[in-house]
Protein backbone atom coordinates (compact mmCIF):
# COMPACT_ATOMS: atom_id res chain seq x y z
CA MET A 1 6.16 32.14 20.45
CA ALA A 2 3.88 29.29 19.20
CA HIS A 3 4.99 25.81 20.60
CA ALA A 4 5.51 23.89 17.61
CA THR A 5 4.86 19.94 17.18
CA LEU A 6 6.54 17.50 14.90
CA HIS A 7 4.15 14.85 13.48
CA PRO A 8 4.85 11.27 15.48
CA SER A 9 6.03 9.97 12.13
CA ILE A 10 8.96 12.68 12.00
CA VAL A 11 9.47 11.96 15.58
CA SER A 12 10.11 8.30 14.92
CA LEU A 13 12.02 8.57 12.09
CA VAL A 14 14.42 11.10 13.95
CA SER A 15 14.61 8.33 16.93
CA LEU A 16 15.32 5.64 14.57
CA ALA A 17 18.19 7.77 12.77
CA ALA A 18 19.69 8.93 15.71
CA SER A 19 20.02 5.74 17.58
CA ILE A 20 21.37 3.97 14.61
CA ALA A 21 23.76 6.74 14.37
CA ALA A 22 24.52 6.86 17.98
CA ASN A 23 25.18 3.18 18.10
CA HIS A 24 22.15 2.76 20.58
CA PRO A 25 21.84 -1.02 21.60
CA GLY A 26 18.40 -0.85 20.40
CA GLN A 27 19.29 0.46 17.16
CA GLY A 28 15.66 2.24 16.73
CA LEU A 29 14.15 -1.03 16.14
CA CYS A 30 11.17 -0.15 18.33
CA GLN A 31 10.43 2.66 16.08
CA VAL A 32 10.06 0.10 12.60
CA ASP A 33 6.11 -0.96 13.80
CA ARG A 34 5.35 2.58 14.70
CA LEU A 35 6.59 3.97 11.34
CA LYS A 36 4.43 1.16 9.61
CA GLN A 37 1.21 2.21 11.20
CA PHE A 38 1.83 5.93 10.29
CA GLY A 39 1.95 4.78 6.65
CA VAL A 40 6.04 5.51 6.41
CA THR A 41 7.05 3.46 3.07
CA GLU A 42 9.97 0.71 3.40
CA GLU A 43 11.78 3.29 0.85
CA GLN A 44 11.53 6.28 3.23
CA ILE A 45 12.67 4.02 6.17
CA ASP A 46 15.46 2.47 4.07
CA LEU A 47 16.76 6.05 3.25
CA VAL A 48 16.61 7.17 6.39
CA ILE A 49 19.14 4.13 7.91
CA GLU A 50 21.28 4.97 5.11
CA ILE A 51 21.81 8.11 6.25
CA ALA A 52 22.16 7.24 9.39
CA ARG A 53 24.70 4.83 8.74
CA HIS A 54 26.32 7.09 6.40
CA ILE A 55 26.53 9.67 9.61
CA ARG A 56 27.55 6.94 11.99
CA ASP A 57 30.64 5.72 9.56
CA GLU A 58 31.82 9.10 8.50
CA THR A 59 32.36 10.10 12.25
CA GLY A 60 34.17 6.78 13.08
CA GLN A 61 36.09 6.97 10.25
CA LYS A 62 37.29 11.16 11.16
CA LEU A 63 37.52 9.67 15.05
CA ASP A 64 39.96 6.98 13.87
CA ALA A 65 41.72 9.25 11.61
CA ARG A 66 42.18 12.11 14.53
CA PHE A 67 43.12 9.26 16.84
CA ASP A 68 45.47 7.72 14.33
CA GLU A 69 47.29 11.36 14.19
CA ALA A 70 47.39 11.64 17.92
CA PHE A 71 48.78 8.22 18.09
CA ALA A 72 51.42 8.88 15.62
CA ALA A 73 52.38 12.11 17.51
CA LYS A 74 53.08 10.20 20.69
CA MET A 75 55.17 7.52 18.96
CA ALA A 76 57.15 10.07 17.02
CA PRO A 77 60.77 10.08 18.81
CA ALA A 78 61.59 12.76 21.03
CA PRO A 79 63.31 15.30 19.26
CA ALA A 80 67.17 16.24 20.11
CA PRO A 81 67.76 18.82 23.01
CA ALA A 82 68.68 22.17 21.51
CA LYS A 83 72.28 23.11 21.82
CA PRO A 84 73.18 25.86 24.02
CA LEU A 85 73.37 29.04 22.56
CA ASN A 86 77.28 30.68 23.05
CA ILE A 87 75.98 33.85 23.47
CA PRO A 88 79.09 36.46 25.05
CA VAL A 89 78.06 37.91 28.05
CA THR A 90 78.55 41.73 27.81
CA GLU A 91 76.98 43.17 30.38
CA ALA A 92 75.80 41.26 33.35
CA CYS A 93 74.52 41.43 36.93
CA CYS A 94 76.87 39.14 37.83
CA THR A 95 80.63 37.76 36.57
CA PRO A 96 80.62 34.39 34.69
CA THR A 97 82.21 31.41 35.98
CA PRO A 98 85.94 30.33 35.55
CA SER A 99 84.67 27.98 32.75
CA GLY A 100 82.33 31.06 31.17
CA LYS A 101 79.15 30.36 32.46
CA SER A 102 76.84 32.61 33.77
CA CYS A 103 75.53 32.58 37.81
CA CYS A 104 72.68 34.67 37.48
């Protein structure tokens, strides 16, 4: 299979978007000058930034919702202990105690 290559402008756009979506400290700003050199318009760069921010923000909202759900479950009161079942022992390998408890 032939090795496919991407145009450097596409690589820079992907890098910019990934950096923004991943909250990279540099935020992909190093790519902006390269993109301008490649003739990528401000409108195209703005669109990539908008999409990356949308993905980042949506991911954050989903993670927050998942955390809130797990947190609420942990903070919920513990369920009441189940009441013991009063099942009569008909055939047991041992006899019950005087109060009716099984010893096996």
